[in-house]
Amino acid sequence: MFSILITCKCSIAQDDDRGYIVEVGQMAPDFTVTTADQKTFKLSDYRGKIVMLQFTASWCSVCRKEMPHIENEIWQPLKDKGLVVVGIDRDEPLEVVQEFAKKIKVTYPLALDPKAEVFSKYALKEAGVTRNVIIDRDGKIVFLTRLYQVKEFNEMKTLIASLVSQN
């Protein structure tokens, strides 16, 4: 019986190695956070817009690699066309998040996620931080990424551009 339990856990881990607890097609869990510039961001306030949640942290090397691509290839071209991008910084103090945004040179807002409370609405708390969640105008999750993989990033970028163009 003990070996069956281990086998069972392994197959679950292989099926969900990305660590998400949400799925495409599901309503995005609502939350409220404070951005590094001290504004309130409540996800449900952005119904009617396309929203990209980018889970990040200053210590994450993959995040640092991906963020300039988000800034230059997604945020800058689409920010005036109805796209909302917010980086959700995992469990770091305000000063660290502000310095991180300056160093990495992103202009989209970064928000504080104390104790990874928002992160844990979307993924297992112990799962890796680098991930993006794309949410349509109705508040439904339409795309999930994990890590920075060029092919997946380009698919996400194409989808976002398509969604934004559907006014």
N, C-alpha and C. Protein backbone atom coordinates (compact mmCIF):
# COMPACT_ATOMS: atom_id res chain seq x y z
N MET A 1 0.82 -1.19 0.00
CA MET A 1 0.00 0.00 0.00
C MET A 1 0.86 1.26 0.00
N PHE A 2 1.95 1.24 0.73
CA PHE A 2 2.82 2.42 0.78
C PHE A 2 3.38 2.74 -0.60
N SER A 3 3.81 1.74 -1.36
CA SER A 3 4.37 2.00 -2.69
C SER A 3 3.29 2.50 -3.65
N ILE A 4 2.06 2.10 -3.49
CA ILE A 4 0.97 2.61 -4.33
C ILE A 4 0.78 4.10 -4.08
N LEU A 5 0.84 4.51 -2.83
CA LEU A 5 0.70 5.92 -2.48
C LEU A 5 1.81 6.75 -3.12
N ILE A 6 3.03 6.28 -3.08
CA ILE A 6 4.15 6.98 -3.71
C ILE A 6 3.94 7.06 -5.22
N THR A 7 3.57 5.98 -5.85
CA THR A 7 3.31 5.98 -7.29
C THR A 7 2.23 7.00 -7.63
N CYS A 8 1.20 7.04 -6.84
CA CYS A 8 0.09 7.97 -7.07
C CYS A 8 0.58 9.41 -7.01
N LYS A 9 1.38 9.73 -6.00
CA LYS A 9 1.89 11.09 -5.88
C LYS A 9 2.77 11.45 -7.06
N CYS A 10 3.57 10.52 -7.54
CA CYS A 10 4.45 10.80 -8.67
C CYS A 10 3.65 11.10 -9.93
N SER A 11 2.59 10.34 -10.18
CA SER A 11 1.82 10.59 -11.39
C SER A 11 1.11 11.94 -11.31
N ILE A 12 0.67 12.34 -10.13
CA ILE A 12 0.06 13.65 -9.98
C ILE A 12 1.09 14.73 -10.25
N ALA A 13 2.28 14.56 -9.72
CA ALA A 13 3.33 15.55 -9.94
C ALA A 13 3.67 15.67 -11.42
N GLN A 14 3.70 14.56 -12.14
CA GLN A 14 4.01 14.61 -13.56
C GLN A 14 2.89 15.27 -14.35
N ASP A 15 1.65 15.06 -13.95
CA ASP A 15 0.52 15.66 -14.64
C ASP A 15 0.46 17.17 -14.44
N ASP A 16 0.91 17.65 -13.29
CA ASP A 16 0.83 19.07 -13.00
C ASP A 16 2.18 19.61 -12.59
N ASP A 17 3.17 19.41 -13.43
CA ASP A 17 4.52 19.86 -13.08
C ASP A 17 4.69 21.37 -13.17
N ARG A 18 3.67 22.09 -13.68
CA ARG A 18 3.75 23.54 -13.76
C ARG A 18 3.26 24.21 -12.48
N GLY A 19 2.61 23.48 -11.61
CA GLY A 19 2.25 24.00 -10.30
C GLY A 19 1.00 24.87 -10.24
N TYR A 20 0.25 24.95 -11.32
CA TYR A 20 -0.97 25.75 -11.29
C TYR A 20 -2.09 25.04 -10.54
N ILE A 21 -2.94 25.83 -9.89
CA ILE A 21 -4.16 25.30 -9.30
C ILE A 21 -5.38 25.88 -10.00
N VAL A 22 -5.15 26.72 -11.00
CA VAL A 22 -6.22 27.25 -11.85
C VAL A 22 -6.06 26.64 -13.24
N GLU A 23 -7.10 26.77 -14.05
CA GLU A 23 -7.07 26.20 -15.40
C GLU A 23 -7.60 27.20 -16.40
N VAL A 24 -7.20 27.03 -17.66
CA VAL A 24 -7.76 27.81 -18.75
C VAL A 24 -9.26 27.55 -18.78
N GLY A 25 -10.04 28.63 -18.95
CA GLY A 25 -11.49 28.53 -18.99
C GLY A 25 -12.15 28.87 -17.66
N GLN A 26 -11.38 28.86 -16.60
CA GLN A 26 -11.88 29.16 -15.25
C GLN A 26 -11.88 30.68 -15.04
N MET A 27 -12.79 31.17 -14.22
CA MET A 27 -12.77 32.58 -13.82
C MET A 27 -11.51 32.82 -12.99
N ALA A 28 -10.84 33.92 -13.27
CA ALA A 28 -9.63 34.25 -12.53
C ALA A 28 -9.99 34.64 -11.10
N PRO A 29 -9.33 34.07 -10.11
CA PRO A 29 -9.59 34.45 -8.73
C PRO A 29 -9.33 35.95 -8.52
N ASP A 30 -10.26 36.62 -7.88
CA ASP A 30 -10.13 38.05 -7.64
C ASP A 30 -9.17 38.31 -6.48
N PHE A 31 -8.58 39.48 -6.49
CA PHE A 31 -7.68 39.90 -5.42
C PHE A 31 -7.50 41.40 -5.49
N THR A 32 -6.99 41.95 -4.41
CA THR A 32 -6.64 43.37 -4.35
C THR A 32 -5.22 43.45 -3.82
N VAL A 33 -4.38 44.25 -4.49
CA VAL A 33 -3.00 44.46 -4.07
C VAL A 33 -2.68 45.95 -4.13
N THR A 34 -1.56 46.30 -3.54
CA THR A 34 -1.05 47.67 -3.62
C THR A 34 0.17 47.65 -4.52
N THR A 35 0.20 48.57 -5.47
CA THR A 35 1.33 48.64 -6.39
C THR A 35 2.49 49.39 -5.73
N ALA A 36 3.65 49.29 -6.35
CA ALA A 36 4.85 49.94 -5.81
C ALA A 36 4.71 51.46 -5.77
N ASP A 37 3.82 52.01 -6.60
CA ASP A 37 3.57 53.46 -6.55
C ASP A 37 2.37 53.79 -5.65
N GLN A 38 2.01 52.81 -4.79
CA GLN A 38 1.02 52.99 -3.73
C GLN A 38 -0.41 53.16 -4.24
N LYS A 39 -0.73 52.58 -5.40
CA LYS A 39 -2.10 52.56 -5.90
C LYS A 39 -2.71 51.20 -5.62
N THR A 40 -4.02 51.16 -5.54
CA THR A 40 -4.72 49.90 -5.33
C THR A 40 -5.07 49.29 -6.67
N PHE A 41 -4.83 48.01 -6.80
CA PHE A 41 -5.19 47.26 -8.01
C PHE A 41 -6.11 46.13 -7.58
N LYS A 42 -7.35 46.17 -8.05
CA LYS A 42 -8.30 45.09 -7.79
C LYS A 42 -8.63 44.47 -9.13
N LEU A 43 -8.35 43.19 -9.30
CA LEU A 43 -8.51 42.52 -10.58
C LEU A 43 -9.90 42.72 -11.18
N SER A 44 -10.94 42.52 -10.40
CA SER A 44 -12.31 42.61 -10.94
C SER A 44 -12.66 44.01 -11.45
N ASP A 45 -11.93 45.03 -11.04
CA ASP A 45 -12.15 46.38 -11.56
C ASP A 45 -11.76 46.50 -13.04
N TYR A 46 -11.05 45.51 -13.55
CA TYR A 46 -10.55 45.57 -14.92
C TYR A 46 -11.32 44.66 -15.87
N ARG A 47 -12.52 44.22 -15.47
CA ARG A 47 -13.37 43.49 -16.40
C ARG A 47 -13.62 44.39 -17.60
N GLY A 48 -13.64 43.80 -18.77
CA GLY A 48 -13.78 44.58 -19.99
C GLY A 48 -12.44 44.88 -20.64
N LYS A 49 -11.36 44.56 -19.93
CA LYS A 49 -10.01 44.73 -20.48
C LYS A 49 -9.30 43.38 -20.49
N ILE A 50 -8.28 43.28 -21.30
CA ILE A 50 -7.41 42.10 -21.29
C ILE A 50 -6.36 42.35 -20.21
N VAL A 51 -6.17 41.38 -19.34
CA VAL A 51 -5.24 41.54 -18.22
C VAL A 51 -4.16 40.46 -18.29
N MET A 52 -2.93 40.88 -18.08
CA MET A 52 -1.80 39.96 -17.98
C MET A 52 -1.24 40.09 -16.56
N LEU A 53 -1.30 39.00 -15.81
CA LEU A 53 -0.65 38.93 -14.51
C LEU A 53 0.70 38.28 -14.71
N GLN A 54 1.74 38.95 -14.28
CA GLN A 54 3.09 38.41 -14.41
C GLN A 54 3.64 38.21 -13.00
N PHE A 55 3.73 36.95 -12.58
CA PHE A 55 4.24 36.65 -11.25
C PHE A 55 5.76 36.67 -11.28
N THR A 56 6.36 37.39 -10.34
CA THR A 56 7.78 37.70 -10.41
C THR A 56 8.38 37.86 -9.01
N ALA A 57 9.70 38.02 -8.98
CA ALA A 57 10.44 38.37 -7.76
C ALA A 57 11.82 38.85 -8.17
N SER A 58 12.39 39.74 -7.40
CA SER A 58 13.68 40.32 -7.76
C SER A 58 14.81 39.29 -7.79
N TRP A 59 14.68 38.23 -7.01
CA TRP A 59 15.72 37.20 -6.92
C TRP A 59 15.61 36.16 -8.04
N CYS A 60 14.59 36.27 -8.87
CA CYS A 60 14.30 35.26 -9.90
C CYS A 60 15.02 35.60 -11.20
N SER A 61 16.01 34.80 -11.56
CA SER A 61 16.79 35.07 -12.78
C SER A 61 15.95 34.91 -14.05
N VAL A 62 15.03 33.96 -14.06
CA VAL A 62 14.19 33.78 -15.25
C VAL A 62 13.24 34.98 -15.40
N CYS A 63 12.73 35.48 -14.29
CA CYS A 63 11.87 36.67 -14.34
C CYS A 63 12.65 37.85 -14.94
N ARG A 64 13.87 38.03 -14.48
CA ARG A 64 14.71 39.12 -14.98
C ARG A 64 14.96 38.99 -16.48
N LYS A 65 15.05 37.78 -16.96
CA LYS A 65 15.25 37.54 -18.39
C LYS A 65 13.96 37.85 -19.17
N GLU A 66 12.82 37.46 -18.63
CA GLU A 66 11.54 37.61 -19.33
C GLU A 66 11.00 39.04 -19.31
N MET A 67 11.18 39.75 -18.22
CA MET A 67 10.53 41.05 -18.03
C MET A 67 10.83 42.08 -19.11
N PRO A 68 12.07 42.21 -19.60
CA PRO A 68 12.29 43.16 -20.70
C PRO A 68 11.50 42.80 -21.97
N HIS A 69 11.28 41.52 -22.20
CA HIS A 69 10.47 41.09 -23.34
C HIS A 69 9.01 41.49 -23.15
N ILE A 70 8.52 41.32 -21.93
CA ILE A 70 7.15 41.76 -21.64
C ILE A 70 7.03 43.26 -21.84
N GLU A 71 7.98 43.99 -21.32
CA GLU A 71 7.99 45.46 -21.45
C GLU A 71 7.99 45.89 -22.92
N ASN A 72 8.93 45.35 -23.69
CA ASN A 72 9.15 45.83 -25.06
C ASN A 72 8.24 45.21 -26.11
N GLU A 73 7.84 43.96 -25.91
CA GLU A 73 7.07 43.27 -26.94
C GLU A 73 5.57 43.20 -26.66
N ILE A 74 5.18 43.43 -25.41
CA ILE A 74 3.76 43.34 -25.06
C ILE A 74 3.26 44.67 -24.49
N TRP A 75 3.87 45.12 -23.41
CA TRP A 75 3.38 46.30 -22.73
C TRP A 75 3.46 47.57 -23.58
N GLN A 76 4.63 47.89 -24.08
CA GLN A 76 4.78 49.14 -24.84
C GLN A 76 3.86 49.19 -26.07
N PRO A 77 3.81 48.13 -26.90
CA PRO A 77 2.95 48.23 -28.08
C PRO A 77 1.44 48.20 -27.78
N LEU A 78 1.04 47.65 -26.64
CA LEU A 78 -0.40 47.42 -26.41
C LEU A 78 -1.00 48.17 -25.22
N LYS A 79 -0.18 48.91 -24.48
CA LYS A 79 -0.69 49.55 -23.26
C LYS A 79 -1.78 50.57 -23.52
N ASP A 80 -1.79 51.18 -24.70
CA ASP A 80 -2.82 52.18 -25.02
C ASP A 80 -3.97 51.57 -25.81
N LYS A 81 -4.01 50.27 -25.90
CA LYS A 81 -5.04 49.58 -26.68
C LYS A 81 -5.94 48.69 -25.82
N GLY A 82 -5.94 48.92 -24.53
CA GLY A 82 -6.84 48.17 -23.65
C GLY A 82 -6.19 47.05 -22.87
N LEU A 83 -4.87 46.91 -22.96
CA LEU A 83 -4.18 45.86 -22.20
C LEU A 83 -3.76 46.40 -20.83
N VAL A 84 -3.95 45.58 -19.82
CA VAL A 84 -3.48 45.88 -18.47
C VAL A 84 -2.45 44.81 -18.12
N VAL A 85 -1.26 45.25 -17.73
CA VAL A 85 -0.22 44.34 -17.26
C VAL A 85 0.13 44.75 -15.84
N VAL A 86 0.20 43.77 -14.96
CA VAL A 86 0.66 44.04 -13.60
C VAL A 86 1.56 42.88 -13.18
N GLY A 87 2.74 43.24 -12.69
CA GLY A 87 3.64 42.27 -12.12
C GLY A 87 3.28 42.07 -10.66
N ILE A 88 3.14 40.84 -10.25
CA ILE A 88 2.81 40.51 -8.85
C ILE A 88 4.10 40.00 -8.22
N ASP A 89 4.74 40.84 -7.40
CA ASP A 89 6.04 40.52 -6.82
C ASP A 89 5.87 39.72 -5.54
N ARG A 90 6.43 38.54 -5.57
CA ARG A 90 6.23 37.58 -4.48
C ARG A 90 7.00 37.92 -3.22
N ASP A 91 6.26 38.34 -2.20
CA ASP A 91 6.74 38.41 -0.82
C ASP A 91 8.01 39.23 -0.62
N GLU A 92 8.06 40.42 -1.23
CA GLU A 92 9.20 41.31 -1.02
C GLU A 92 8.71 42.67 -0.56
N PRO A 93 9.53 43.39 0.22
CA PRO A 93 9.11 44.70 0.73
C PRO A 93 9.09 45.77 -0.38
N LEU A 94 8.37 46.83 -0.12
CA LEU A 94 8.17 47.92 -1.07
C LEU A 94 9.48 48.42 -1.67
N GLU A 95 10.47 48.70 -0.85
CA GLU A 95 11.73 49.27 -1.33
C GLU A 95 12.42 48.33 -2.33
N VAL A 96 12.37 47.05 -2.06
CA VAL A 96 12.98 46.06 -2.96
C VAL A 96 12.25 46.04 -4.29
N VAL A 97 10.92 46.07 -4.26
CA VAL A 97 10.12 46.05 -5.48
C VAL A 97 10.36 47.31 -6.30
N GLN A 98 10.42 48.45 -5.65
CA GLN A 98 10.69 49.71 -6.36
C GLN A 98 12.07 49.69 -7.02
N GLU A 99 13.07 49.23 -6.31
CA GLU A 99 14.42 49.15 -6.86
C GLU A 99 14.49 48.14 -8.00
N PHE A 100 13.81 47.03 -7.85
CA PHE A 100 13.74 45.99 -8.88
C PHE A 100 13.18 46.56 -10.19
N ALA A 101 12.08 47.30 -10.11
CA ALA A 101 11.47 47.90 -11.31
C ALA A 101 12.44 48.86 -12.00
N LYS A 102 13.17 49.63 -11.21
CA LYS A 102 14.16 50.57 -11.79
C LYS A 102 15.29 49.82 -12.48
N LYS A 103 15.83 48.80 -11.80
CA LYS A 103 16.96 48.04 -12.33
C LYS A 103 16.60 47.31 -13.62
N ILE A 104 15.43 46.71 -13.64
CA ILE A 104 15.03 45.89 -14.77
C ILE A 104 14.41 46.75 -15.88
N LYS A 105 14.12 48.01 -15.54
CA LYS A 105 13.60 49.00 -16.49
C LYS A 105 12.25 48.62 -17.07
N VAL A 106 11.32 48.27 -16.17
CA VAL A 106 9.95 48.05 -16.62
C VAL A 106 9.09 49.22 -16.18
N THR A 107 8.13 49.57 -17.02
CA THR A 107 7.24 50.68 -16.70
C THR A 107 5.84 50.21 -16.33
N TYR A 108 5.55 48.91 -16.58
CA TYR A 108 4.26 48.42 -16.12
C TYR A 108 4.32 48.29 -14.60
N PRO A 109 3.16 48.41 -13.94
CA PRO A 109 3.19 48.41 -12.48
C PRO A 109 3.57 47.07 -11.88
N LEU A 110 4.31 47.14 -10.80
CA LEU A 110 4.60 45.97 -9.98
C LEU A 110 3.83 46.14 -8.68
N ALA A 111 3.26 45.05 -8.22
CA ALA A 111 2.45 45.08 -7.00
C ALA A 111 3.05 44.15 -5.96
N LEU A 112 2.77 44.47 -4.72
CA LEU A 112 3.29 43.69 -3.59
C LEU A 112 2.36 42.52 -3.30
N ASP A 113 2.97 41.38 -3.05
CA ASP A 113 2.20 40.17 -2.71
C ASP A 113 2.76 39.56 -1.42
N PRO A 114 2.47 40.23 -0.27
CA PRO A 114 2.98 39.72 1.00
C PRO A 114 2.51 38.29 1.27
N LYS A 115 3.41 37.49 1.72
CA LYS A 115 3.15 36.08 2.04
C LYS A 115 2.65 35.28 0.85
N ALA A 116 2.86 35.79 -0.35
CA ALA A 116 2.45 35.11 -1.60
C ALA A 116 0.97 34.73 -1.59
N GLU A 117 0.15 35.59 -1.01
CA GLU A 117 -1.28 35.29 -0.92
C GLU A 117 -1.96 35.28 -2.28
N VAL A 118 -1.61 36.22 -3.16
CA VAL A 118 -2.19 36.23 -4.50
C VAL A 118 -1.63 35.05 -5.30
N PHE A 119 -0.33 34.87 -5.22
CA PHE A 119 0.30 33.75 -5.93
C PHE A 119 -0.39 32.43 -5.60
N SER A 120 -0.71 32.24 -4.33
CA SER A 120 -1.30 30.96 -3.90
C SER A 120 -2.76 30.80 -4.31
N LYS A 121 -3.37 31.83 -4.89
CA LYS A 121 -4.70 31.69 -5.48
C LYS A 121 -4.61 31.09 -6.89
N TYR A 122 -3.41 31.14 -7.47
CA TYR A 122 -3.20 30.70 -8.84
C TYR A 122 -2.31 29.46 -8.94
N ALA A 123 -1.38 29.31 -8.02
CA ALA A 123 -0.42 28.21 -8.09
C ALA A 123 -0.12 27.70 -6.69
N LEU A 124 0.41 26.49 -6.65
CA LEU A 124 0.86 25.94 -5.38
C LEU A 124 1.88 26.88 -4.76
N LYS A 125 1.77 27.13 -3.50
CA LYS A 125 2.64 28.11 -2.85
C LYS A 125 4.13 27.77 -3.01
N GLU A 126 4.45 26.48 -3.06
CA GLU A 126 5.85 26.08 -3.19
C GLU A 126 6.32 26.02 -4.65
N ALA A 127 5.43 26.30 -5.59
CA ALA A 127 5.79 26.25 -7.02
C ALA A 127 6.66 27.45 -7.40
N GLY A 128 7.38 27.31 -8.49
CA GLY A 128 8.25 28.38 -8.97
C GLY A 128 7.48 29.62 -9.38
N VAL A 129 8.13 30.77 -9.25
CA VAL A 129 7.45 32.05 -9.40
C VAL A 129 7.23 32.48 -10.85
N THR A 130 8.12 32.20 -11.76
CA THR A 130 8.01 32.73 -13.12
C THR A 130 6.80 32.14 -13.83
N ARG A 131 5.76 32.96 -14.00
CA ARG A 131 4.55 32.50 -14.67
C ARG A 131 3.70 33.71 -15.06
N ASN A 132 2.90 33.54 -16.11
CA ASN A 132 2.00 34.58 -16.58
C ASN A 132 0.60 33.99 -16.70
N VAL A 133 -0.39 34.81 -16.38
CA VAL A 133 -1.78 34.42 -16.51
C VAL A 133 -2.45 35.49 -17.37
N ILE A 134 -3.05 35.06 -18.49
CA ILE A 134 -3.76 35.98 -19.37
C ILE A 134 -5.25 35.81 -19.13
N ILE A 135 -5.93 36.94 -18.92
CA ILE A 135 -7.34 36.95 -18.56
C ILE A 135 -8.11 37.77 -19.60
N ASP A 136 -9.20 37.21 -20.10
CA ASP A 136 -9.98 37.91 -21.12
C ASP A 136 -10.91 38.96 -20.52
N ARG A 137 -11.65 39.63 -21.37
CA ARG A 137 -12.53 40.72 -20.93
C ARG A 137 -13.62 40.27 -19.97
N ASP A 138 -13.97 38.99 -20.00
CA ASP A 138 -15.01 38.46 -19.12
C ASP A 138 -14.45 37.98 -17.78
N GLY A 139 -13.13 38.07 -17.60
CA GLY A 139 -12.51 37.63 -16.35
C GLY A 139 -12.10 36.17 -16.34
N LYS A 140 -12.11 35.54 -17.53
CA LYS A 140 -11.73 34.12 -17.61
C LYS A 140 -10.26 33.99 -18.01
N ILE A 141 -9.62 32.98 -17.45
CA ILE A 141 -8.24 32.66 -17.79
C ILE A 141 -8.22 32.04 -19.18
N VAL A 142 -7.37 32.60 -20.06
CA VAL A 142 -7.29 32.09 -21.43
C VAL A 142 -5.92 31.54 -21.78
N PHE A 143 -4.90 31.80 -20.95
CA PHE A 143 -3.56 31.31 -21.26
C PHE A 143 -2.74 31.31 -19.98
N LEU A 144 -1.91 30.28 -19.80
CA LEU A 144 -1.02 30.15 -18.65
C LEU A 144 0.37 29.82 -19.14
N THR A 145 1.38 30.49 -18.62
CA THR A 145 2.76 30.13 -18.96
C THR A 145 3.51 29.76 -17.69
N ARG A 146 4.64 29.11 -17.91
CA ARG A 146 5.54 28.76 -16.81
C ARG A 146 6.95 28.85 -17.34
N LEU A 147 7.80 29.57 -16.65
CA LEU A 147 9.17 29.87 -17.06
C LEU A 147 9.15 30.74 -18.31
N TYR A 148 10.31 31.02 -18.86
CA TYR A 148 10.37 31.82 -20.08
C TYR A 148 10.86 30.92 -21.19
N GLN A 149 9.95 30.54 -22.05
CA GLN A 149 10.27 29.73 -23.22
C GLN A 149 9.81 30.53 -24.43
N VAL A 150 10.70 30.77 -25.37
CA VAL A 150 10.42 31.67 -26.49
C VAL A 150 9.16 31.25 -27.25
N LYS A 151 9.01 29.97 -27.55
CA LYS A 151 7.83 29.52 -28.30
C LYS A 151 6.55 29.84 -27.54
N GLU A 152 6.50 29.50 -26.27
CA GLU A 152 5.31 29.76 -25.46
C GLU A 152 5.08 31.26 -25.31
N PHE A 153 6.15 32.03 -25.12
CA PHE A 153 6.04 33.48 -25.00
C PHE A 153 5.45 34.07 -26.27
N ASN A 154 5.92 33.61 -27.42
CA ASN A 154 5.41 34.11 -28.69
C ASN A 154 3.94 33.75 -28.90
N GLU A 155 3.55 32.55 -28.47
CA GLU A 155 2.14 32.16 -28.54
C GLU A 155 1.29 33.09 -27.66
N MET A 156 1.79 33.37 -26.48
CA MET A 156 1.09 34.27 -25.56
C MET A 156 0.98 35.67 -26.17
N LYS A 157 2.06 36.15 -26.71
CA LYS A 157 2.10 37.48 -27.32
C LYS A 157 1.09 37.59 -28.47
N THR A 158 1.03 36.56 -29.30
CA THR A 158 0.07 36.54 -30.42
C THR A 158 -1.36 36.53 -29.91
N LEU A 159 -1.62 35.72 -28.90
CA LEU A 159 -2.96 35.66 -28.32
C LEU A 159 -3.36 37.01 -27.74
N ILE A 160 -2.48 37.63 -26.98
CA ILE A 160 -2.79 38.94 -26.38
C ILE A 160 -3.11 39.97 -27.46
N ALA A 161 -2.30 40.02 -28.50
CA ALA A 161 -2.54 40.97 -29.60
C ALA A 161 -3.90 40.71 -30.25
N SER A 162 -4.23 39.45 -30.42
CA SER A 162 -5.53 39.09 -31.01
C SER A 162 -6.68 39.52 -30.09
N LEU A 163 -6.56 39.25 -28.81
CA LEU A 163 -7.61 39.61 -27.85
C LEU A 163 -7.79 41.13 -27.77
N VAL A 164 -6.70 41.85 -27.76
CA VAL A 164 -6.76 43.30 -27.67
C VAL A 164 -7.42 43.90 -28.92
N SER A 165 -7.17 43.28 -30.07
CA SER A 165 -7.73 43.82 -31.32
C SER A 165 -9.23 43.55 -31.46
N GLN A 166 -9.78 42.68 -30.63
CA GLN A 166 -11.22 42.37 -30.67
C GLN A 166 -11.99 43.32 -29.78
N ASN A 167 -12.19 44.52 -30.25
CA ASN A 167 -12.92 45.51 -29.44
C ASN A 167 -14.35 45.20 -29.49
